[in-house]
PDB file of N, CA and C in Angstrom:
ATOM      1  N   MET A   1     108.099 114.286  74.334  1.00  0.00           N
ATOM      2  CA  MET A   1     107.125 113.440  74.930  1.00  0.00           C
ATOM      3  C   MET A   1     105.954 114.414  75.160  1.00  0.00           C
ATOM      4  N   ASP A   2     104.729 114.009  74.931  1.00  0.00           N
ATOM      5  CA  ASP A   2     103.648 114.793  75.208  1.00  0.00           C
ATOM      6  C   ASP A   2     103.331 114.608  76.849  1.00  0.00           C
ATOM      7  N   ILE A   3     102.617 115.618  77.287  1.00  0.00           N
ATOM      8  CA  ILE A   3     102.008 115.650  78.540  1.00  0.00           C
ATOM      9  C   ILE A   3     101.493 114.295  79.140  1.00  0.00           C
ATOM     10  N   LYS A   4     100.707 113.738  78.260  1.00  0.00           N
ATOM     11  CA  LYS A   4      99.809 112.514  78.876  1.00  0.00           C
ATOM     12  C   LYS A   4     100.864 111.637  79.106  1.00  0.00           C
ATOM     13  N   ASN A   5     101.634 111.247  78.194  1.00  0.00           N
ATOM     14  CA  ASN A   5     102.843 110.123  78.190  1.00  0.00           C
ATOM     15  C   ASN A   5     103.712 110.342  79.304  1.00  0.00           C
ATOM     16  N   GLN A   6     103.910 111.702  79.687  1.00  0.00           N
ATOM     17  CA  GLN A   6     104.946 111.768  80.799  1.00  0.00           C
ATOM     18  C   GLN A   6     104.236 111.614  82.026  1.00  0.00           C
ATOM     19  N   MET A   7     102.933 111.961  82.147  1.00  0.00           N
ATOM     20  CA  MET A   7     102.187 111.770  83.380  1.00  0.00           C
ATOM     21  C   MET A   7     101.866 110.182  83.593  1.00  0.00           C
ATOM     22  N   LYS A   8     101.660 109.542  82.463  1.00  0.00           N
ATOM     23  CA  LYS A   8     101.753 107.884  82.525  1.00  0.00           C
ATOM     24  C   LYS A   8     103.035 107.286  83.146  1.00  0.00           C
ATOM     25  N   LYS A   9     104.099 107.970  82.644  1.00  0.00           N
ATOM     26  CA  LYS A   9     105.512 107.406  83.040  1.00  0.00           C
ATOM     27  C   LYS A   9     105.660 107.686  84.614  1.00  0.00           C
ATOM     28  N   ASN A  10     105.469 109.051  84.882  1.00  0.00           N
ATOM     29  CA  ASN A  10     105.484 109.324  86.254  1.00  0.00           C
ATOM     30  C   ASN A  10     104.686 108.628  87.254  1.00  0.00           C
ATOM     31  N   LYS A  11     103.411 108.235  86.864  1.00  0.00           N
ATOM     32  CA  LYS A  11     102.538 107.344  87.682  1.00  0.00           C
ATOM     33  C   LYS A  11     103.079 105.912  87.706  1.00  0.00           C
ATOM     34  N   PHE A  12     103.604 105.325  86.793  1.00  0.00           N
ATOM     35  CA  PHE A  12     104.291 103.879  86.753  1.00  0.00           C
ATOM     36  C   PHE A  12     105.361 104.009  87.698  1.00  0.00           C
ATOM     37  N   ILE A  13     106.015 105.051  87.714  1.00  0.00           N
ATOM     38  CA  ILE A  13     107.404 105.064  88.823  1.00  0.00           C
ATOM     39  C   ILE A  13     106.850 105.097  90.312  1.00  0.00           C
ATOM     40  N   LYS A  14     105.779 105.999  90.167  1.00  0.00           N
ATOM     41  CA  LYS A  14     105.268 106.106  91.571  1.00  0.00           C
ATOM     42  C   LYS A  14     104.708 104.898  92.229  1.00  0.00           C
ATOM     43  N   ASN A  15     103.810 104.214  91.250  1.00  0.00           N
ATOM     44  CA  ASN A  15     103.197 102.977  91.411  1.00  0.00           C
ATOM     45  C   ASN A  15     104.298 101.799  91.974  1.00  0.00           C
ATOM     46  N   ASN A  16     105.367 101.724  91.009  1.00  0.00           N
ATOM     47  CA  ASN A  16     106.274 100.806  91.403  1.00  0.00           C
ATOM     48  C   ASN A  16     107.068 101.096  92.925  1.00  0.00           C
ATOM     49  N   GLY A  17     107.132 102.106  93.253  1.00  0.00           N
ATOM     50  CA  GLY A  17     107.646 102.400  94.657  1.00  0.00           C
ATOM     51  C   GLY A  17     106.511 102.112  95.640  1.00  0.00           C
ATOM     52  N   ALA A  18     105.154 102.325  95.315  1.00  0.00           N
ATOM     53  CA  ALA A  18     104.181 102.077  96.407  1.00  0.00           C
ATOM     54  C   ALA A  18     103.873 100.505  96.494  1.00  0.00           C
ATOM     55  N   VAL A  19     104.036  99.791  95.490  1.00  0.00           N
ATOM     56  CA  VAL A  19     103.978  98.397  95.470  1.00  0.00           C
ATOM     57  C   VAL A  19     105.133  97.535  96.255  1.00  0.00           C
ATOM     58  N   ILE A  20     106.220  98.264  95.999  1.00  0.00           N
ATOM     59  CA  ILE A  20     107.577  97.483  96.769  1.00  0.00           C
ATOM     60  C   ILE A  20     107.533  97.780  98.084  1.00  0.00           C
ATOM     61  N   ARG A  21     106.958  98.993  98.433  1.00  0.00           N
ATOM     62  CA  ARG A  21     106.868  99.266  99.827  1.00  0.00           C
ATOM     63  C   ARG A  21     105.735  98.466 100.604  1.00  0.00           C
ATOM     64  N   ALA A  22     104.762  98.214  99.909  1.00  0.00           N
ATOM     65  CA  ALA A  22     103.807  97.371 100.490  1.00  0.00           C
ATOM     66  C   ALA A  22     104.231  95.782 100.604  1.00  0.00           C
ATOM     67  N   ILE A  23     105.107  95.481  99.768  1.00  0.00           N
ATOM     68  CA  ILE A  23     105.584  94.136  99.751  1.00  0.00           C
ATOM     69  C   ILE A  23     106.545  94.052 101.030  1.00  0.00           C
ATOM     70  N   ASN A  24     107.048  95.148 101.213  1.00  0.00           N
ATOM     71  CA  ASN A  24     108.139  95.076 102.245  1.00  0.00           C
ATOM     72  C   ASN A  24     107.714  95.208 103.696  1.00  0.00           C
ATOM     73  N   ILE A  25     106.571  95.389 103.787  1.00  0.00           N
ATOM     74  CA  ILE A  25     105.784  95.608 105.207  1.00  0.00           C
ATOM     75  C   ILE A  25     106.009  94.258 105.859  1.00  0.00           C
ATOM     76  N   LEU A  26     106.083  93.188 105.199  1.00  0.00           N
ATOM     77  CA  LEU A  26     106.285  91.732 105.554  1.00  0.00           C
ATOM     78  C   LEU A  26     107.392  91.092 104.956  1.00  0.00           C
ATOM     79  N   ARG A  27     108.592  91.893 105.105  1.00  0.00           N
ATOM     80  CA  ARG A  27     109.912  91.643 104.480  1.00  0.00           C
ATOM     81  C   ARG A  27     110.488  90.140 104.830  1.00  0.00           C
ATOM     82  N   VAL A  28     110.181  89.433 105.994  1.00  0.00           N
ATOM     83  CA  VAL A  28     110.508  88.313 106.149  1.00  0.00           C
ATOM     84  C   VAL A  28     109.567  87.056 105.866  1.00  0.00           C
ATOM     85  N   ASP A  29     108.490  87.411 105.246  1.00  0.00           N
ATOM     86  CA  ASP A  29     107.474  86.502 104.813  1.00  0.00           C
ATOM     87  C   ASP A  29     106.827  87.020 103.428  1.00  0.00           C
ATOM     88  N   TYR A  30     106.189  86.041 102.839  1.00  0.00           N
ATOM     89  CA  TYR A  30     105.457  86.255 101.570  1.00  0.00           C
ATOM     90  C   TYR A  30     104.076  86.999 102.048  1.00  0.00           C
ATOM     91  N   VAL A  31     103.659  87.999 100.975  1.00  0.00           N
ATOM     92  CA  VAL A  31     102.602  88.757 101.240  1.00  0.00           C
ATOM     93  C   VAL A  31     101.777  88.433  99.880  1.00  0.00           C
ATOM     94  N   ASN A  32     100.426  88.195 100.332  1.00  0.00           N
ATOM     95  CA  ASN A  32      99.479  87.796  98.998  1.00  0.00           C
ATOM     96  C   ASN A  32      99.411  89.194  98.336  1.00  0.00           C
ATOM     97  N   LEU A  33      99.267  88.900  96.998  1.00  0.00           N
ATOM     98  CA  LEU A  33      99.268  90.059  96.003  1.00  0.00           C
ATOM     99  C   LEU A  33      97.789  90.550  95.961  1.00  0.00           C
ATOM    100  N   TYR A  34      96.897  89.883  96.132  1.00  0.00           N
ATOM    101  CA  TYR A  34      95.292  90.324  96.567  1.00  0.00           C
ATOM    102  C   TYR A  34      95.559  91.301  97.600  1.00  0.00           C
ATOM    103  N   ASP A  35      96.059  90.987  98.698  1.00  0.00           N
ATOM    104  CA  ASP A  35      96.197  91.925  99.743  1.00  0.00           C
ATOM    105  C   ASP A  35      96.879  93.128  99.534  1.00  0.00           C
ATOM    106  N   VAL A  36      97.976  93.055  98.689  1.00  0.00           N
ATOM    107  CA  VAL A  36      98.699  94.283  98.396  1.00  0.00           C
ATOM    108  C   VAL A  36      97.807  95.194  97.489  1.00  0.00           C
ATOM    109  N   ALA A  37      97.154  94.523  96.420  1.00  0.00           N
ATOM    110  CA  ALA A  37      96.233  95.485  95.548  1.00  0.00           C
ATOM    111  C   ALA A  37      95.196  96.258  96.359  1.00  0.00           C
ATOM    112  N   ALA A  38      94.518  95.401  97.271  1.00  0.00           N
ATOM    113  CA  ALA A  38      93.521  95.826  98.258  1.00  0.00           C
ATOM    114  C   ALA A  38      94.044  97.005  98.940  1.00  0.00           C
ATOM    115  N   ALA A  39      95.088  96.892  99.544  1.00  0.00           N
ATOM    116  CA  ALA A  39      95.680  97.893 100.462  1.00  0.00           C
ATOM    117  C   ALA A  39      96.099  98.979  99.702  1.00  0.00           C
ATOM    118  N   LEU A  40      96.264  99.041  98.317  1.00  0.00           N
ATOM    119  CA  LEU A  40      96.460 100.084  97.469  1.00  0.00           C
ATOM    120  C   LEU A  40      95.562 100.840  97.014  1.00  0.00           C
ATOM    121  N   GLU A  41      94.429 100.304  97.062  1.00  0.00           N
ATOM    122  CA  GLU A  41      93.133 100.867  96.493  1.00  0.00           C
ATOM    123  C   GLU A  41      92.603 102.004  97.170  1.00  0.00           C
ATOM    124  N   PRO A  42      92.166 102.865  96.677  1.00  0.00           N
ATOM    125  CA  PRO A  42      91.858 103.335  95.395  1.00  0.00           C
ATOM    126  C   PRO A  42      93.054 103.918  94.386  1.00  0.00           C
ATOM    127  N   GLN A  43      94.095 104.349  95.264  1.00  0.00           N
ATOM    128  CA  GLN A  43      95.037 105.056  94.535  1.00  0.00           C
ATOM    129  C   GLN A  43      95.625 104.303  93.490  1.00  0.00           C
ATOM    130  N   LEU A  44      95.635 102.864  93.326  1.00  0.00           N
ATOM    131  CA  LEU A  44      96.397 101.989  92.269  1.00  0.00           C
ATOM    132  C   LEU A  44      94.962 101.008  91.886  1.00  0.00           C
ATOM    133  N   THR A  45      94.791 100.741  90.572  1.00  0.00           N
ATOM    134  CA  THR A  45      93.849  99.708  90.100  1.00  0.00           C
ATOM    135  C   THR A  45      94.675  98.461  90.125  1.00  0.00           C
ATOM    136  N   SER A  46      94.043  97.655  90.065  1.00  0.00           N
ATOM    137  CA  SER A  46      94.568  96.212  90.122  1.00  0.00           C
ATOM    138  C   SER A  46      95.473  96.070  88.738  1.00  0.00           C
ATOM    139  N   ALA A  47      95.036  96.550  87.737  1.00  0.00           N
ATOM    140  CA  ALA A  47      95.976  96.384  86.643  1.00  0.00           C
ATOM    141  C   ALA A  47      97.304  97.262  86.912  1.00  0.00           C
ATOM    142  N   GLU A  48      97.114  98.352  87.487  1.00  0.00           N
ATOM    143  CA  GLU A  48      98.463  98.991  87.783  1.00  0.00           C
ATOM    144  C   GLU A  48      99.437  98.170  88.836  1.00  0.00           C
ATOM    145  N   VAL A  49      98.835  97.597  89.762  1.00  0.00           N
ATOM    146  CA  VAL A  49      99.548  96.781  90.748  1.00  0.00           C
ATOM    147  C   VAL A  49     100.062  95.772  90.082  1.00  0.00           C
ATOM    148  N   GLN A  50      99.362  94.923  89.028  1.00  0.00           N
ATOM    149  CA  GLN A  50     100.038  93.888  88.293  1.00  0.00           C
ATOM    150  C   GLN A  50     101.228  94.478  87.407  1.00  0.00           C
ATOM    151  N   ASP A  51     101.092  95.657  86.733  1.00  0.00           N
ATOM    152  CA  ASP A  51     102.162  96.260  85.872  1.00  0.00           C
ATOM    153  C   ASP A  51     103.355  96.286  86.762  1.00  0.00           C
ATOM    154  N   SER A  52     102.966  96.777  87.957  1.00  0.00           N
ATOM    155  CA  SER A  52     104.282  96.942  88.847  1.00  0.00           C
ATOM    156  C   SER A  52     104.837  95.755  89.326  1.00  0.00           C
ATOM    157  N   VAL A  53     104.047  94.879  89.663  1.00  0.00           N
ATOM    158  CA  VAL A  53     104.459  93.558  89.991  1.00  0.00           C
ATOM    159  C   VAL A  53     105.332  92.766  88.979  1.00  0.00           C
ATOM    160  N   ASN A  54     104.822  92.932  87.762  1.00  0.00           N
ATOM    161  CA  ASN A  54     105.804  92.497  86.576  1.00  0.00           C
ATOM    162  C   ASN A  54     106.899  93.024  86.555  1.00  0.00           C
ATOM    163  N   TYR A  55     106.892  94.459  86.575  1.00  0.00           N
ATOM    164  CA  TYR A  55     108.273  95.226  86.517  1.00  0.00           C
ATOM    165  C   TYR A  55     109.277  94.857  87.568  1.00  0.00           C
ATOM    166  N   LEU A  56     108.737  94.614  88.997  1.00  0.00           N
ATOM    167  CA  LEU A  56     109.546  94.451  90.018  1.00  0.00           C
ATOM    168  C   LEU A  56     109.950  92.917  89.897  1.00  0.00           C
ATOM    169  N   LEU A  57     109.332  92.024  89.413  1.00  0.00           N
ATOM    170  CA  LEU A  57     109.565  90.574  89.103  1.00  0.00           C
ATOM    171  C   LEU A  57     110.794  90.464  88.008  1.00  0.00           C
ATOM    172  N   GLU A  58     110.513  91.031  87.044  1.00  0.00           N
ATOM    173  CA  GLU A  58     111.412  91.253  85.922  1.00  0.00           C
ATOM    174  C   GLU A  58     112.773  91.959  86.278  1.00  0.00           C
ATOM    175  N   SER A  59     112.815  92.901  87.195  1.00  0.00           N
ATOM    176  CA  SER A  59     113.981  93.425  87.818  1.00  0.00           C
ATOM    177  C   SER A  59     114.698  92.693  88.827  1.00  0.00           C
ATOM    178  N   GLY A  60     114.126  91.721  89.216  1.00  0.00           N
ATOM    179  CA  GLY A  60     114.814  90.893  90.232  1.00  0.00           C
ATOM    180  C   GLY A  60     114.630  91.419  91.759  1.00  0.00           C
ATOM    181  N   TYR A  61     113.437  92.279  91.892  1.00  0.00           N
ATOM    182  CA  TYR A  61     113.479  92.885  93.245  1.00  0.00           C
ATOM    183  C   TYR A  61     112.579  92.083  94.054  1.00  0.00           C
ATOM    184  N   ILE A  62     111.654  91.142  93.572  1.00  0.00           N
ATOM    185  CA  ILE A  62     110.714  90.451  94.295  1.00  0.00           C
ATOM    186  C   ILE A  62     110.792  88.896  93.676  1.00  0.00           C
ATOM    187  N   ARG A  63     110.343  88.204  94.528  1.00  0.00           N
ATOM    188  CA  ARG A  63     110.207  86.672  93.944  1.00  0.00           C
ATOM    189  C   ARG A  63     108.520  86.509  94.294  1.00  0.00           C
ATOM    190  N   LEU A  64     108.080  85.586  93.177  1.00  0.00           N
ATOM    191  CA  LEU A  64     106.688  84.966  93.747  1.00  0.00           C
ATOM    192  C   LEU A  64     106.510  83.606  93.687  1.00  0.00           C
ATOM    193  N   VAL A  65     105.469  83.268  94.548  1.00  0.00           N
ATOM    194  CA  VAL A  65     105.113  81.926  94.696  1.00  0.00           C
ATOM    195  C   VAL A  65     103.703  81.734  94.634  1.00  0.00           C
ATOM    196  N   LYS A  66     103.255  80.523  94.417  1.00  0.00           N
ATOM    197  CA  LYS A  66     101.814  80.284  94.562  1.00  0.00           C
ATOM    198  C   LYS A  66     101.642  80.193  95.969  1.00  0.00           C
ATOM    199  N   ILE A  67     100.414  80.643  96.417  1.00  0.00           N
ATOM    200  CA  ILE A  67     100.098  80.669  97.798  1.00  0.00           C
ATOM    201  C   ILE A  67     100.173  79.406  98.548  1.00  0.00           C
ATOM    202  N   ARG A  68      99.211  78.437  97.738  1.00  0.00           N
ATOM    203  CA  ARG A  68      99.056  77.044  98.628  1.00  0.00           C
ATOM    204  C   ARG A  68     100.236  76.313  98.521  1.00  0.00           C
ATOM    205  N   SER A  69     100.897  76.076  97.200  1.00  0.00           N
ATOM    206  CA  SER A  69     101.993  75.244  97.222  1.00  0.00           C
ATOM    207  C   SER A  69     103.452  75.875  97.366  1.00  0.00           C
ATOM    208  N   GLN A  70     103.415  76.929  97.668  1.00  0.00           N
ATOM    209  CA  GLN A  70     104.770  77.605  97.678  1.00  0.00           C
ATOM    210  C   GLN A  70     105.601  77.559  96.441  1.00  0.00           C
ATOM    211  N   GLN A  71     105.183  77.089  95.416  1.00  0.00           N
ATOM    212  CA  GLN A  71     105.926  76.760  94.119  1.00  0.00           C
ATOM    213  C   GLN A  71     106.342  78.259  93.594  1.00  0.00           C
ATOM    214  N   PRO A  72     107.673  78.329  93.379  1.00  0.00           N
ATOM    215  CA  PRO A  72     108.180  79.407  92.630  1.00  0.00           C
ATOM    216  C   PRO A  72     107.351  79.762  91.312  1.00  0.00           C
ATOM    217  N   VAL A  73     107.235  81.016  90.980  1.00  0.00           N
ATOM    218  CA  VAL A  73     106.494  81.417  89.718  1.00  0.00           C
ATOM    219  C   VAL A  73     107.226  82.478  89.052  1.00  0.00           C
ATOM    220  N   GLU A  74     107.294  82.312  87.731  1.00  0.00           N
ATOM    221  CA  GLU A  74     108.397  83.248  87.053  1.00  0.00           C
ATOM    222  C   GLU A  74     107.515  84.238  86.203  1.00  0.00           C
ATOM    223  N   CYS A  75     106.418  84.094  86.303  1.00  0.00           N
ATOM    224  CA  CYS A  75     105.508  85.209  85.702  1.00  0.00           C
ATOM    225  C   CYS A  75     103.919  85.393  86.328  1.00  0.00           C
ATOM    226  N   ILE A  76     103.249  86.632  86.129  1.00  0.00           N
ATOM    227  CA  ILE A  76     102.039  86.629  86.862  1.00  0.00           C
ATOM    228  C   ILE A  76     101.159  85.765  86.106  1.00  0.00           C
ATOM    229  N   GLY A  77     101.031  85.676  85.056  1.00  0.00           N
ATOM    230  CA  GLY A  77      99.916  84.853  84.292  1.00  0.00           C
ATOM    231  C   GLY A  77      98.629  85.291  84.628  1.00  0.00           C
ATOM    232  N   ASP A  78      97.720  84.229  84.592  1.00  0.00           N
ATOM    233  CA  ASP A  78      96.305  84.546  85.135  1.00  0.00           C
ATOM    234  C   ASP A  78      96.074  84.277  86.581  1.00  0.00           C
ATOM    235  N   ASP A  79      96.979  84.036  87.470  1.00  0.00           N
ATOM    236  CA  ASP A  79      97.070  83.603  88.974  1.00  0.00           C
ATOM    237  C   ASP A  79      97.345  84.902  89.760  1.00  0.00           C
ATOM    238  N   PHE A  80      97.021  86.134  89.469  1.00  0.00           N
ATOM    239  CA  PHE A  80      97.551  87.090  90.274  1.00  0.00           C
ATOM    240  C   PHE A  80      96.875  86.946  91.642  1.00  0.00           C
ATOM    241  N   GLU A  81      95.563  86.594  91.755  1.00  0.00           N
ATOM    242  CA  GLU A  81      95.318  86.635  93.110  1.00  0.00           C
ATOM    243  C   GLU A  81      95.540  85.238  93.831  1.00  0.00           C
ATOM    244  N   GLN A  82      96.193  84.301  93.172  1.00  0.00           N
ATOM    245  CA  GLN A  82      96.775  83.102  94.087  1.00  0.00           C
ATOM    246  C   GLN A  82      98.234  83.198  94.299  1.00  0.00           C
ATOM    247  N   LEU A  83      98.783  84.410  94.091  1.00  0.00           N
ATOM    248  CA  LEU A  83     100.257  84.591  94.309  1.00  0.00           C
ATOM    249  C   LEU A  83     100.670  85.387  95.496  1.00  0.00           C
ATOM    250  N   ALA A  84     101.874  85.164  96.045  1.00  0.00           N
ATOM    251  CA  ALA A  84     102.422  86.035  97.112  1.00  0.00           C
ATOM    252  C   ALA A  84     103.706  86.388  96.677  1.00  0.00           C
ATOM    253  N   ALA A  85     104.333  87.598  97.134  1.00  0.00           N
ATOM    254  CA  ALA A  85     105.538  88.043  96.829  1.00  0.00           C
ATOM    255  C   ALA A  85     106.333  88.352  97.890  1.00  0.00           C
ATOM    256  N   LYS A  86     107.614  88.266  97.781  1.00  0.00           N
ATOM    257  CA  LYS A  86     108.662  88.577  99.040  1.00  0.00           C
ATOM    258  C   LYS A  86     109.901  89.310  98.316  1.00  0.00           C
ATOM    259  N   LEU A  87     110.426  90.100  98.831  1.00  0.00           N
ATOM    260  CA  LEU A  87     111.705  90.938  98.334  1.00  0.00           C
ATOM    261  C   LEU A  87     112.776  90.036  98.178  1.00  0.00           C
ATOM    262  N   THR A  88     113.591  90.224  97.247  1.00  0.00           N
ATOM    263  CA  THR A  88     114.961  89.502  97.083  1.00  0.00           C
ATOM    264  C   THR A  88     115.920  90.247  97.804  1.00  0.00           C
ATOM    265  N   ALA A  89     117.108  89.903  97.939  1.00  0.00           N
ATOM    266  CA  ALA A  89     118.263  90.517  98.468  1.00  0.00           C
ATOM    267  C   ALA A  89     118.241  91.931  97.796  1.00  0.00           C
ATOM    268  N   LYS A  90     118.234  92.104  96.298  1.00  0.00           N
ATOM    269  CA  LYS A  90     118.344  92.966  95.601  1.00  0.00           C
ATOM    270  C   LYS A  90     117.256  94.129  96.007  1.00  0.00           C
ATOM    271  N   GLY A  91     116.109  93.458  96.167  1.00  0.00           N
ATOM    272  CA  GLY A  91     114.854  94.540  96.566  1.00  0.00           C
ATOM    273  C   GLY A  91     114.964  94.990  97.640  1.00  0.00           C
ATOM    274  N   ILE A  92     115.816  94.284  98.682  1.00  0.00           N
ATOM    275  CA  ILE A  92     116.182  95.014  99.887  1.00  0.00           C
ATOM    276  C   ILE A  92     117.091  96.026  99.774  1.00  0.00           C
ATOM    277  N   GLN A  93     117.886  95.746  99.159  1.00  0.00           N
ATOM    278  CA  GLN A  93     118.981  96.824  98.611  1.00  0.00           C
ATOM    279  C   GLN A  93     118.482  98.055  97.957  1.00  0.00           C
ATOM    280  N   LEU A  94     117.459  98.102  97.294  1.00  0.00           N
ATOM    281  CA  LEU A  94     116.730  99.051  96.609  1.00  0.00           C
ATOM    282  C   LEU A  94     115.975  99.837  97.807  1.00  0.00           C
ATOM    283  N   ILE A  95     115.224  99.085  98.452  1.00  0.00           N
ATOM    284  CA  ILE A  95     114.346  99.875  99.680  1.00  0.00           C
ATOM    285  C   ILE A  95     115.514 100.405 100.825  1.00  0.00           C
ATOM    286  N   CYS A  96     116.546 100.072 100.887  1.00  0.00           N
ATOM    287  CA  CYS A  96     117.560 100.675 101.951  1.00  0.00           C
ATOM    288  C   CYS A  96     118.305 101.611 101.075  1.00  0.00           C
ATOM    289  N   GLY A  97     118.260 101.758  99.962  1.00  0.00           N
ATOM    290  CA  GLY A  97     118.887 102.873  99.384  1.00  0.00           C
ATOM    291  C   GLY A  97     120.439 102.547  98.883  1.00  0.00           C
ATOM    292  N   ALA A  98     120.851 101.188  98.765  1.00  0.00           N
ATOM    293  CA  ALA A  98     122.203 100.756  98.443  1.00  0.00           C
ATOM    294  C   ALA A  98     122.258 100.727  96.909  1.00  0.00           C
ATOM    295  N   ILE A  99     121.247 100.703  96.370  1.00  0.00           N
ATOM    296  CA  ILE A  99     121.164 100.744  94.868  1.00  0.00           C
ATOM    297  C   ILE A  99     119.963 101.767  94.324  1.00  0.00           C
ATOM    298  N   GLU A 100     119.895 102.029  93.040  1.00  0.00           N
ATOM    299  CA  GLU A 100     118.890 103.115  92.629  1.00  0.00           C
ATOM    300  C   GLU A 100     118.465 102.393  91.587  1.00  0.00           C
ATOM    301  N   ASP A 101     116.947 102.762  91.198  1.00  0.00           N
ATOM    302  CA  ASP A 101     116.450 102.495  90.054  1.00  0.00           C
ATOM    303  C   ASP A 101     115.526 103.737  89.579  1.00  0.00           C
ATOM    304  N   SER A 102     115.657 104.404  88.446  1.00  0.00           N
ATOM    305  CA  SER A 102     114.973 105.561  88.093  1.00  0.00           C
ATOM    306  C   SER A 102     113.419 105.068  87.783  1.00  0.00           C
ATOM    307  N   CYS A 103     113.174 103.804  87.694  1.00  0.00           N
ATOM    308  CA  CYS A 103     111.739 103.456  87.678  1.00  0.00           C
ATOM    309  C   CYS A 103     111.083 103.283  88.901  1.00  0.00           C
ATOM    310  N   VAL A 104     111.738 103.332  89.983  1.00  0.00           N
ATOM    311  CA  VAL A 104     111.054 103.239  91.435  1.00  0.00           C
ATOM    312  C   VAL A 104     111.169 104.386  92.225  1.00  0.00           C
ATOM    313  N   ASP A 105     110.008 105.135  92.544  1.00  0.00           N
ATOM    314  CA  ASP A 105     110.165 106.143  93.292  1.00  0.00           C
ATOM    315  C   ASP A 105     109.923 105.812  94.959  1.00  0.00           C
ATOM    316  N   LEU A 106     110.886 105.908  95.556  1.00  0.00           N
ATOM    317  CA  LEU A 106     110.863 105.490  96.987  1.00  0.00           C
ATOM    318  C   LEU A 106     110.927 106.727  97.784  1.00  0.00           C
TER     319      LEU A 106
END
């Protein structure tokens, strides 16, 4: 693997950790993804946050809902700024160290 690809991989792993920690701040409630992205600027771009949210969602660490209707969402789609996230039990286990994921740097 060349250096550029390794750096990109390492950044993705660190980004995933930053995003799940930001979502964890309000563990008992949903947090607006727009607020997560704003809080992590300028360290992460909006595209990087979306990439991490997608990974965390697909891995079962978070659940997403539409902010207004609280309707569950299974993918980000074009509604990123209209979504909120909350940790699942599996996400809490990851944060607490009960499980490990080599793609999430906590």
